[in-house]
Full PDB file with SEQRES, HELIX, SHEET, SSBOND, CRYST1, ORIGX, SCALE, CONECT and MASTER records, all heavy atoms in Angstrom:
SEQRES   1 A   34  PHE ALA PHE ARG TYR ARG SER PRO GLU HIS TRP VAL GLU          
SEQRES   2 A   34  ILE PHE ARG THR PHE TYR GLY PRO VAL HIS LYS ALA PHE          
SEQRES   3 A   34  ALA ALA LEU GLU SER ALA VAL GLY                              
HELIX    1 AA1 PRO A    8  PHE A   18  1                                  11    
HELIX    2 AA2 GLY A   20  VAL A   33  1                                  14    
CRYST1    1.000    1.000    1.000  90.00  90.00  90.00 P 1           1          
ORIGX1      1.000000  0.000000  0.000000        0.00000                         
ORIGX2      0.000000  1.000000  0.000000        0.00000                         
ORIGX3      0.000000  0.000000  1.000000        0.00000                         
SCALE1      1.000000  0.000000  0.000000        0.00000                         
SCALE2      0.000000  1.000000  0.000000        0.00000                         
SCALE3      0.000000  0.000000  1.000000        0.00000                         
ATOM      1  N   PHE A   1       0.836  -1.123  -0.003  1.00  0.00           N  
ATOM      2  CA  PHE A   1       0.010  -0.005  -0.006  1.00  0.00           C  
ATOM      3  C   PHE A   1       0.902   1.235  -0.017  1.00  0.00           C  
ATOM      4  O   PHE A   1       1.767   1.360   0.844  1.00  0.00           O  
ATOM      5  CB  PHE A   1      -0.900   0.006   1.258  1.00  0.00           C  
ATOM      6  CG  PHE A   1      -1.778   1.193   1.335  1.00  0.00           C  
ATOM      7  CD1 PHE A   1      -2.971   1.262   0.625  1.00  0.00           C  
ATOM      8  CD2 PHE A   1      -1.410   2.310   2.133  1.00  0.00           C  
ATOM      9  CE1 PHE A   1      -3.803   2.390   0.729  1.00  0.00           C  
ATOM     10  CE2 PHE A   1      -2.268   3.417   2.230  1.00  0.00           C  
ATOM     11  CZ  PHE A   1      -3.423   3.476   1.513  1.00  0.00           C  
ATOM     12  N   ALA A   2       0.672   2.114  -0.923  1.00  0.00           N  
ATOM     13  CA  ALA A   2       1.438   3.338  -1.001  1.00  0.00           C  
ATOM     14  C   ALA A   2       0.619   4.465  -0.340  1.00  0.00           C  
ATOM     15  O   ALA A   2      -0.460   4.840  -0.771  1.00  0.00           O  
ATOM     16  CB  ALA A   2       1.728   3.768  -2.451  1.00  0.00           C  
ATOM     17  N   PHE A   3       1.188   4.974   0.772  1.00  0.00           N  
ATOM     18  CA  PHE A   3       0.571   6.114   1.446  1.00  0.00           C  
ATOM     19  C   PHE A   3       0.814   7.358   0.606  1.00  0.00           C  
ATOM     20  O   PHE A   3       1.895   7.623   0.163  1.00  0.00           O  
ATOM     21  CB  PHE A   3       1.167   6.340   2.823  1.00  0.00           C  
ATOM     22  CG  PHE A   3       0.790   5.311   3.845  1.00  0.00           C  
ATOM     23  CD1 PHE A   3       1.502   4.176   4.019  1.00  0.00           C  
ATOM     24  CD2 PHE A   3      -0.403   5.455   4.601  1.00  0.00           C  
ATOM     25  CE1 PHE A   3       1.123   3.255   4.999  1.00  0.00           C  
ATOM     26  CE2 PHE A   3      -0.803   4.512   5.518  1.00  0.00           C  
ATOM     27  CZ  PHE A   3      -0.005   3.438   5.738  1.00  0.00           C  
ATOM     28  N   ARG A   4      -0.304   8.112   0.371  1.00  0.00           N  
ATOM     29  CA  ARG A   4      -0.197   9.332  -0.391  1.00  0.00           C  
ATOM     30  C   ARG A   4      -0.825  10.471   0.353  1.00  0.00           C  
ATOM     31  O   ARG A   4      -2.053  10.470   0.545  1.00  0.00           O  
ATOM     32  CB  ARG A   4      -0.857   9.144  -1.755  1.00  0.00           C  
ATOM     33  CG  ARG A   4      -0.110   8.176  -2.677  1.00  0.00           C  
ATOM     34  CD  ARG A   4      -0.707   8.165  -4.059  1.00  0.00           C  
ATOM     35  NE  ARG A   4       0.107   7.369  -4.936  1.00  0.00           N  
ATOM     36  CZ  ARG A   4      -0.015   6.031  -5.125  1.00  0.00           C  
ATOM     37  NH1 ARG A   4      -1.012   5.427  -4.608  1.00  0.00           N  
ATOM     38  NH2 ARG A   4       0.794   5.425  -5.956  1.00  0.00           N  
ATOM     39  N   TYR A   5       0.008  11.405   0.772  1.00  0.00           N  
ATOM     40  CA  TYR A   5      -0.445  12.569   1.468  1.00  0.00           C  
ATOM     41  C   TYR A   5       0.287  13.783   0.911  1.00  0.00           C  
ATOM     42  O   TYR A   5       1.223  13.655   0.164  1.00  0.00           O  
ATOM     43  CB  TYR A   5      -0.110  12.430   2.971  1.00  0.00           C  
ATOM     44  CG  TYR A   5      -0.963  11.285   3.629  1.00  0.00           C  
ATOM     45  CD1 TYR A   5      -0.480  10.025   3.645  1.00  0.00           C  
ATOM     46  CD2 TYR A   5      -2.218  11.582   4.129  1.00  0.00           C  
ATOM     47  CE1 TYR A   5      -1.237   9.024   4.245  1.00  0.00           C  
ATOM     48  CE2 TYR A   5      -2.965  10.585   4.651  1.00  0.00           C  
ATOM     49  CZ  TYR A   5      -2.516   9.243   4.725  1.00  0.00           C  
ATOM     50  OH  TYR A   5      -3.170   8.294   5.246  1.00  0.00           O  
ATOM     51  N   ARG A   6      -0.259  14.947   1.218  1.00  0.00           N  
ATOM     52  CA  ARG A   6       0.338  16.178   0.652  1.00  0.00           C  
ATOM     53  C   ARG A   6       1.754  16.391   1.069  1.00  0.00           C  
ATOM     54  O   ARG A   6       2.530  16.963   0.348  1.00  0.00           O  
ATOM     55  CB  ARG A   6      -0.502  17.395   1.090  1.00  0.00           C  
ATOM     56  CG  ARG A   6      -1.915  17.397   0.495  1.00  0.00           C  
ATOM     57  CD  ARG A   6      -2.621  18.692   0.770  1.00  0.00           C  
ATOM     58  NE  ARG A   6      -2.813  18.966   2.178  1.00  0.00           N  
ATOM     59  CZ  ARG A   6      -3.907  18.731   2.864  1.00  0.00           C  
ATOM     60  NH1 ARG A   6      -4.967  18.191   2.268  1.00  0.00           N  
ATOM     61  NH2 ARG A   6      -3.987  19.020   4.121  1.00  0.00           N  
ATOM     62  N   SER A   7       2.102  15.919   2.293  1.00  0.00           N  
ATOM     63  CA  SER A   7       3.417  16.173   2.829  1.00  0.00           C  
ATOM     64  C   SER A   7       3.594  15.230   4.018  1.00  0.00           C  
ATOM     65  O   SER A   7       2.646  14.679   4.525  1.00  0.00           O  
ATOM     66  CB  SER A   7       3.581  17.615   3.238  1.00  0.00           C  
ATOM     67  OG  SER A   7       2.742  17.870   4.404  1.00  0.00           O  
ATOM     68  N   PRO A   8       4.865  15.083   4.489  1.00  0.00           N  
ATOM     69  CA  PRO A   8       5.005  14.290   5.705  1.00  0.00           C  
ATOM     70  C   PRO A   8       4.196  14.932   6.918  1.00  0.00           C  
ATOM     71  O   PRO A   8       3.690  14.205   7.722  1.00  0.00           O  
ATOM     72  CB  PRO A   8       6.541  14.398   5.996  1.00  0.00           C  
ATOM     73  CG  PRO A   8       7.165  14.635   4.615  1.00  0.00           C  
ATOM     74  CD  PRO A   8       6.137  15.504   3.895  1.00  0.00           C  
ATOM     75  N   GLU A   9       4.144  16.241   6.956  1.00  0.00           N  
ATOM     76  CA  GLU A   9       3.379  16.871   8.031  1.00  0.00           C  
ATOM     77  C   GLU A   9       1.943  16.560   7.951  1.00  0.00           C  
ATOM     78  O   GLU A   9       1.258  16.364   8.941  1.00  0.00           O  
ATOM     79  CB  GLU A   9       3.595  18.452   7.962  1.00  0.00           C  
ATOM     80  CG  GLU A   9       4.984  18.897   8.237  1.00  0.00           C  
ATOM     81  CD  GLU A   9       5.947  18.763   7.115  1.00  0.00           C  
ATOM     82  OE1 GLU A   9       5.549  18.493   5.941  1.00  0.00           O  
ATOM     83  OE2 GLU A   9       7.161  18.879   7.348  1.00  0.00           O  
ATOM     84  N   HIS A  10       1.373  16.458   6.716  1.00  0.00           N  
ATOM     85  CA  HIS A  10      -0.018  16.128   6.526  1.00  0.00           C  
ATOM     86  C   HIS A  10      -0.265  14.653   7.002  1.00  0.00           C  
ATOM     87  O   HIS A  10      -1.269  14.348   7.615  1.00  0.00           O  
ATOM     88  CB  HIS A  10      -0.432  16.264   5.037  1.00  0.00           C  
ATOM     89  CG  HIS A  10      -1.828  15.968   4.761  1.00  0.00           C  
ATOM     90  ND1 HIS A  10      -2.207  15.051   3.775  1.00  0.00           N  
ATOM     91  CD2 HIS A  10      -2.948  16.442   5.310  1.00  0.00           C  
ATOM     92  CE1 HIS A  10      -3.546  14.983   3.783  1.00  0.00           C  
ATOM     93  NE2 HIS A  10      -4.027  15.821   4.667  1.00  0.00           N  
ATOM     94  N   TRP A  11       0.659  13.775   6.705  1.00  0.00           N  
ATOM     95  CA  TRP A  11       0.566  12.375   7.179  1.00  0.00           C  
ATOM     96  C   TRP A  11       0.507  12.318   8.724  1.00  0.00           C  
ATOM     97  O   TRP A  11      -0.357  11.686   9.263  1.00  0.00           O  
ATOM     98  CB  TRP A  11       1.755  11.542   6.656  1.00  0.00           C  
ATOM     99  CG  TRP A  11       1.626  10.111   7.068  1.00  0.00           C  
ATOM    100  CD1 TRP A  11       0.995   9.097   6.409  1.00  0.00           C  
ATOM    101  CD2 TRP A  11       2.068   9.513   8.320  1.00  0.00           C  
ATOM    102  NE1 TRP A  11       1.077   7.947   7.105  1.00  0.00           N  
ATOM    103  CE2 TRP A  11       1.766   8.178   8.315  1.00  0.00           C  
ATOM    104  CE3 TRP A  11       2.739  10.009   9.431  1.00  0.00           C  
ATOM    105  CZ2 TRP A  11       2.041   7.323   9.339  1.00  0.00           C  
ATOM    106  CZ3 TRP A  11       3.030   9.168  10.494  1.00  0.00           C  
ATOM    107  CH2 TRP A  11       2.653   7.791  10.431  1.00  0.00           C  
ATOM    108  N   VAL A  12       1.373  13.091   9.343  1.00  0.00           N  
ATOM    109  CA  VAL A  12       1.378  13.125  10.824  1.00  0.00           C  
ATOM    110  C   VAL A  12       0.094  13.666  11.346  1.00  0.00           C  
ATOM    111  O   VAL A  12      -0.489  13.111  12.310  1.00  0.00           O  
ATOM    112  CB  VAL A  12       2.574  13.928  11.343  1.00  0.00           C  
ATOM    113  CG1 VAL A  12       2.467  14.150  12.851  1.00  0.00           C  
ATOM    114  CG2 VAL A  12       3.952  13.224  11.096  1.00  0.00           C  
ATOM    115  N   GLU A  13      -0.390  14.744  10.692  1.00  0.00           N  
ATOM    116  CA  GLU A  13      -1.671  15.326  11.138  1.00  0.00           C  
ATOM    117  C   GLU A  13      -2.825  14.320  11.022  1.00  0.00           C  
ATOM    118  O   GLU A  13      -3.578  14.173  11.999  1.00  0.00           O  
ATOM    119  CB  GLU A  13      -1.956  16.541  10.245  1.00  0.00           C  
ATOM    120  CG  GLU A  13      -3.334  17.143  10.494  1.00  0.00           C  
ATOM    121  CD  GLU A  13      -3.693  18.261   9.477  1.00  0.00           C  
ATOM    122  OE1 GLU A  13      -2.778  18.820   8.904  1.00  0.00           O  
ATOM    123  OE2 GLU A  13      -4.888  18.464   9.322  1.00  0.00           O  
ATOM    124  N   ILE A  14      -2.926  13.603   9.929  1.00  0.00           N  
ATOM    125  CA  ILE A  14      -4.013  12.636   9.781  1.00  0.00           C  
ATOM    126  C   ILE A  14      -3.893  11.495  10.740  1.00  0.00           C  
ATOM    127  O   ILE A  14      -4.840  11.103  11.415  1.00  0.00           O  
ATOM    128  CB  ILE A  14      -3.992  12.130   8.272  1.00  0.00           C  
ATOM    129  CG1 ILE A  14      -4.333  13.240   7.305  1.00  0.00           C  
ATOM    130  CG2 ILE A  14      -4.963  10.899   8.140  1.00  0.00           C  
ATOM    131  CD1 ILE A  14      -5.735  13.855   7.493  1.00  0.00           C  
ATOM    132  N   PHE A  15      -2.695  10.926  10.853  1.00  0.00           N  
ATOM    133  CA  PHE A  15      -2.498   9.763  11.762  1.00  0.00           C  
ATOM    134  C   PHE A  15      -2.617  10.165  13.234  1.00  0.00           C  
ATOM    135  O   PHE A  15      -3.150   9.416  14.069  1.00  0.00           O  
ATOM    136  CB  PHE A  15      -1.154   9.058  11.483  1.00  0.00           C  
ATOM    137  CG  PHE A  15      -1.314   7.998  10.492  1.00  0.00           C  
ATOM    138  CD1 PHE A  15      -1.695   8.248   9.215  1.00  0.00           C  
ATOM    139  CD2 PHE A  15      -1.077   6.667  10.852  1.00  0.00           C  
ATOM    140  CE1 PHE A  15      -1.856   7.245   8.271  1.00  0.00           C  
ATOM    141  CE2 PHE A  15      -1.246   5.609   9.927  1.00  0.00           C  
ATOM    142  CZ  PHE A  15      -1.624   5.882   8.669  1.00  0.00           C  
ATOM    143  N   ARG A  16      -2.159  11.374  13.551  1.00  0.00           N  
ATOM    144  CA  ARG A  16      -2.285  11.879  14.892  1.00  0.00           C  
ATOM    145  C   ARG A  16      -3.719  12.116  15.305  1.00  0.00           C  
ATOM    146  O   ARG A  16      -4.176  11.846  16.410  1.00  0.00           O  
ATOM    147  CB  ARG A  16      -1.513  13.177  15.055  1.00  0.00           C  
ATOM    148  CG  ARG A  16      -1.598  13.828  16.391  1.00  0.00           C  
ATOM    149  CD  ARG A  16      -0.848  15.079  16.421  1.00  0.00           C  
ATOM    150  NE  ARG A  16      -0.845  15.696  17.724  1.00  0.00           N  
ATOM    151  CZ  ARG A  16      -0.146  16.761  18.123  1.00  0.00           C  
ATOM    152  NH1 ARG A  16       0.668  17.319  17.236  1.00  0.00           N  
ATOM    153  NH2 ARG A  16      -0.243  17.235  19.338  1.00  0.00           N  
ATOM    154  N   THR A  17      -4.556  12.539  14.364  1.00  0.00           N  
ATOM    155  CA  THR A  17      -5.926  12.865  14.641  1.00  0.00           C  
ATOM    156  C   THR A  17      -6.818  11.602  14.586  1.00  0.00           C  
ATOM    157  O   THR A  17      -7.671  11.448  15.478  1.00  0.00           O  
ATOM    158  CB  THR A  17      -6.467  13.863  13.627  1.00  0.00           C  
ATOM    159  OG1 THR A  17      -5.615  15.010  13.664  1.00  0.00           O  
ATOM    160  CG2 THR A  17      -7.896  14.242  13.850  1.00  0.00           C  
ATOM    161  N   PHE A  18      -6.596  10.717  13.626  1.00  0.00           N  
ATOM    162  CA  PHE A  18      -7.586   9.661  13.328  1.00  0.00           C  
ATOM    163  C   PHE A  18      -7.092   8.223  13.607  1.00  0.00           C  
ATOM    164  O   PHE A  18      -7.903   7.323  13.596  1.00  0.00           O  
ATOM    165  CB  PHE A  18      -8.025   9.774  11.912  1.00  0.00           C  
ATOM    166  CG  PHE A  18      -8.752  11.035  11.606  1.00  0.00           C  
ATOM    167  CD1 PHE A  18      -8.127  11.957  10.775  1.00  0.00           C  
ATOM    168  CD2 PHE A  18      -9.968  11.354  12.114  1.00  0.00           C  
ATOM    169  CE1 PHE A  18      -8.807  13.178  10.489  1.00  0.00           C  
ATOM    170  CE2 PHE A  18     -10.605  12.513  11.858  1.00  0.00           C  
ATOM    171  CZ  PHE A  18     -10.043  13.465  11.015  1.00  0.00           C  
ATOM    172  N   TYR A  19      -5.839   8.006  13.814  1.00  0.00           N  
ATOM    173  CA  TYR A  19      -5.307   6.615  13.971  1.00  0.00           C  
ATOM    174  C   TYR A  19      -4.972   6.390  15.425  1.00  0.00           C  
ATOM    175  O   TYR A  19      -4.001   6.964  15.995  1.00  0.00           O  
ATOM    176  CB  TYR A  19      -4.077   6.426  13.095  1.00  0.00           C  
ATOM    177  CG  TYR A  19      -3.725   5.042  12.848  1.00  0.00           C  
ATOM    178  CD1 TYR A  19      -4.593   4.188  12.094  1.00  0.00           C  
ATOM    179  CD2 TYR A  19      -2.582   4.443  13.383  1.00  0.00           C  
ATOM    180  CE1 TYR A  19      -4.353   2.855  11.943  1.00  0.00           C  
ATOM    181  CE2 TYR A  19      -2.331   3.099  13.206  1.00  0.00           C  
ATOM    182  CZ  TYR A  19      -3.168   2.292  12.494  1.00  0.00           C  
ATOM    183  OH  TYR A  19      -2.885   0.969  12.283  1.00  0.00           O  
ATOM    184  N   GLY A  20      -5.772   5.480  16.049  1.00  0.00           N  
ATOM    185  CA  GLY A  20      -5.699   5.328  17.495  1.00  0.00           C  
ATOM    186  C   GLY A  20      -4.332   5.169  18.123  1.00  0.00           C  
ATOM    187  O   GLY A  20      -4.017   5.900  19.038  1.00  0.00           O  
ATOM    188  N   PRO A  21      -3.481   4.277  17.636  1.00  0.00           N  
ATOM    189  CA  PRO A  21      -2.163   4.155  18.252  1.00  0.00           C  
ATOM    190  C   PRO A  21      -1.295   5.407  18.209  1.00  0.00           C  
ATOM    191  O   PRO A  21      -0.663   5.742  19.187  1.00  0.00           O  
ATOM    192  CB  PRO A  21      -1.494   3.015  17.422  1.00  0.00           C  
ATOM    193  CG  PRO A  21      -2.636   2.213  16.891  1.00  0.00           C  
ATOM    194  CD  PRO A  21      -3.718   3.240  16.617  1.00  0.00           C  
ATOM    195  N   VAL A  22      -1.385   6.148  17.130  1.00  0.00           N  
ATOM    196  CA  VAL A  22      -0.576   7.384  17.030  1.00  0.00           C  
ATOM    197  C   VAL A  22      -1.226   8.484  17.861  1.00  0.00           C  
ATOM    198  O   VAL A  22      -0.490   9.178  18.518  1.00  0.00           O  
ATOM    199  CB  VAL A  22      -0.440   7.817  15.530  1.00  0.00           C  
ATOM    200  CG1 VAL A  22       0.294   9.136  15.443  1.00  0.00           C  
ATOM    201  CG2 VAL A  22       0.312   6.742  14.709  1.00  0.00           C  
ATOM    202  N   HIS A  23      -2.537   8.514  17.858  1.00  0.00           N  
ATOM    203  CA  HIS A  23      -3.199   9.431  18.758  1.00  0.00           C  
ATOM    204  C   HIS A  23      -2.868   9.184  20.193  1.00  0.00           C  
ATOM    205  O   HIS A  23      -2.549  10.200  20.917  1.00  0.00           O  
ATOM    206  CB  HIS A  23      -4.738   9.295  18.523  1.00  0.00           C  
ATOM    207  CG  HIS A  23      -5.574  10.183  19.386  1.00  0.00           C  
ATOM    208  ND1 HIS A  23      -5.783  11.549  19.093  1.00  0.00           N  
ATOM    209  CD2 HIS A  23      -6.213   9.967  20.559  1.00  0.00           C  
ATOM    210  CE1 HIS A  23      -6.517  12.069  20.014  1.00  0.00           C  
ATOM    211  NE2 HIS A  23      -6.829  11.152  20.903  1.00  0.00           N  
ATOM    212  N   LYS A  24      -2.839   7.977  20.635  1.00  0.00           N  
ATOM    213  CA  LYS A  24      -2.467   7.636  22.038  1.00  0.00           C  
ATOM    214  C   LYS A  24      -0.998   8.002  22.271  1.00  0.00           C  
ATOM    215  O   LYS A  24      -0.686   8.479  23.390  1.00  0.00           O  
ATOM    216  CB  LYS A  24      -2.705   6.126  22.273  1.00  0.00           C  
ATOM    217  CG  LYS A  24      -4.130   5.773  22.464  1.00  0.00           C  
ATOM    218  CD  LYS A  24      -4.330   4.326  22.687  1.00  0.00           C  
ATOM    219  CE  LYS A  24      -3.672   3.936  24.021  1.00  0.00           C  
ATOM    220  NZ  LYS A  24      -3.944   2.523  24.326  1.00  0.00           N  
ATOM    221  N   ALA A  25      -0.116   7.802  21.355  1.00  0.00           N  
ATOM    222  CA  ALA A  25       1.316   8.146  21.537  1.00  0.00           C  
ATOM    223  C   ALA A  25       1.444   9.649  21.751  1.00  0.00           C  
ATOM    224  O   ALA A  25       2.190  10.056  22.631  1.00  0.00           O  
ATOM    225  CB  ALA A  25       2.093   7.630  20.341  1.00  0.00           C  
ATOM    226  N   PHE A  26       0.787  10.454  20.930  1.00  0.00           N  
ATOM    227  CA  PHE A  26       0.885  11.863  21.083  1.00  0.00           C  
ATOM    228  C   PHE A  26       0.278  12.327  22.400  1.00  0.00           C  
ATOM    229  O   PHE A  26       0.817  13.187  23.057  1.00  0.00           O  
ATOM    230  CB  PHE A  26       0.223  12.620  19.891  1.00  0.00           C  
ATOM    231  CG  PHE A  26       1.161  12.918  18.814  1.00  0.00           C  
ATOM    232  CD1 PHE A  26       1.251  12.018  17.717  1.00  0.00           C  
ATOM    233  CD2 PHE A  26       1.944  14.013  18.759  1.00  0.00           C  
ATOM    234  CE1 PHE A  26       2.137  12.274  16.659  1.00  0.00           C  
ATOM    235  CE2 PHE A  26       2.796  14.299  17.763  1.00  0.00           C  
ATOM    236  CZ  PHE A  26       2.891  13.414  16.667  1.00  0.00           C  
ATOM    237  N   ALA A  27      -0.846  11.704  22.816  1.00  0.00           N  
ATOM    238  CA  ALA A  27      -1.455  12.058  24.094  1.00  0.00           C  
ATOM    239  C   ALA A  27      -0.510  11.773  25.257  1.00  0.00           C  
ATOM    240  O   ALA A  27      -0.367  12.523  26.204  1.00  0.00           O  
ATOM    241  CB  ALA A  27      -2.770  11.337  24.263  1.00  0.00           C  
ATOM    242  N   ALA A  28       0.222  10.637  25.170  1.00  0.00           N  
ATOM    243  CA  ALA A  28       1.162  10.252  26.205  1.00  0.00           C  
ATOM    244  C   ALA A  28       2.297  11.231  26.276  1.00  0.00           C  
ATOM    245  O   ALA A  28       2.793  11.651  27.321  1.00  0.00           O  
ATOM    246  CB  ALA A  28       1.634   8.816  26.028  1.00  0.00           C  
ATOM    247  N   LEU A  29       2.793  11.597  25.033  1.00  0.00           N  
ATOM    248  CA  LEU A  29       3.946  12.597  25.018  1.00  0.00           C  
ATOM    249  C   LEU A  29       3.486  13.956  25.541  1.00  0.00           C  
ATOM    250  O   LEU A  29       4.231  14.547  26.328  1.00  0.00           O  
ATOM    251  CB  LEU A  29       4.401  12.731  23.572  1.00  0.00           C  
ATOM    252  CG  LEU A  29       5.155  11.555  22.946  1.00  0.00           C  
ATOM    253  CD1 LEU A  29       5.381  11.724  21.462  1.00  0.00           C  
ATOM    254  CD2 LEU A  29       6.520  11.404  23.674  1.00  0.00           C  
ATOM    255  N   GLU A  30       2.273  14.363  25.219  1.00  0.00           N  
ATOM    256  CA  GLU A  30       1.774  15.652  25.698  1.00  0.00           C  
ATOM    257  C   GLU A  30       1.611  15.659  27.224  1.00  0.00           C  
ATOM    258  O   GLU A  30       1.973  16.596  27.908  1.00  0.00           O  
ATOM    259  CB  GLU A  30       0.478  16.043  25.013  1.00  0.00           C  
ATOM    260  CG  GLU A  30       0.679  16.418  23.604  1.00  0.00           C  
ATOM    261  CD  GLU A  30      -0.652  16.664  22.843  1.00  0.00           C  
ATOM    262  OE1 GLU A  30      -1.705  16.213  23.266  1.00  0.00           O  
ATOM    263  OE2 GLU A  30      -0.557  17.275  21.770  1.00  0.00           O  
ATOM    264  N   SER A  31       1.169  14.499  27.720  1.00  0.00           N  
ATOM    265  CA  SER A  31       1.056  14.361  29.195  1.00  0.00           C  
ATOM    266  C   SER A  31       2.428  14.395  29.852  1.00  0.00           C  
ATOM    267  O   SER A  31       2.591  15.031  30.924  1.00  0.00           O  
ATOM    268  CB  SER A  31       0.330  13.032  29.490  1.00  0.00           C  
ATOM    269  OG  SER A  31       0.269  12.818  30.889  1.00  0.00           O  
ATOM    270  N   ALA A  32       3.414  13.781  29.249  1.00  0.00           N  
ATOM    271  CA  ALA A  32       4.761  13.681  29.808  1.00  0.00           C  
ATOM    272  C   ALA A  32       5.425  15.108  29.823  1.00  0.00           C  
ATOM    273  O   ALA A  32       6.114  15.394  30.764  1.00  0.00           O  
ATOM    274  CB  ALA A  32       5.576  12.704  29.018  1.00  0.00           C  
ATOM    275  N   VAL A  33       5.194  15.901  28.752  1.00  0.00           N  
ATOM    276  CA  VAL A  33       5.825  17.233  28.703  1.00  0.00           C  
ATOM    277  C   VAL A  33       4.915  18.299  29.311  1.00  0.00           C  
ATOM    278  O   VAL A  33       5.374  19.402  29.531  1.00  0.00           O  
ATOM    279  CB  VAL A  33       6.276  17.634  27.304  1.00  0.00           C  
ATOM    280  CG1 VAL A  33       7.253  16.625  26.719  1.00  0.00           C  
ATOM    281  CG2 VAL A  33       5.052  17.763  26.404  1.00  0.00           C  
ATOM    282  N   GLY A  34       3.669  17.944  29.596  1.00  0.00           N  
ATOM    283  CA  GLY A  34       2.798  18.901  30.249  1.00  0.00           C  
ATOM    284  C   GLY A  34       2.216  19.981  29.436  1.00  0.00           C  
ATOM    285  O   GLY A  34       1.808  21.015  29.877  1.00  0.00           O  
TER     286      GLY A  34                                                      
MASTER        0    0    0    2    0    0    0    6  285    1    0    3          
END                                                                             
């Protein structure tokens, strides 16, 4: 499967917002840094 997004930043935005494991990772990082 070839991922096609406007940019690497767009890929991060989509996965951070809609993909559970990545969303949880960002939430954990945000909690750690406050």
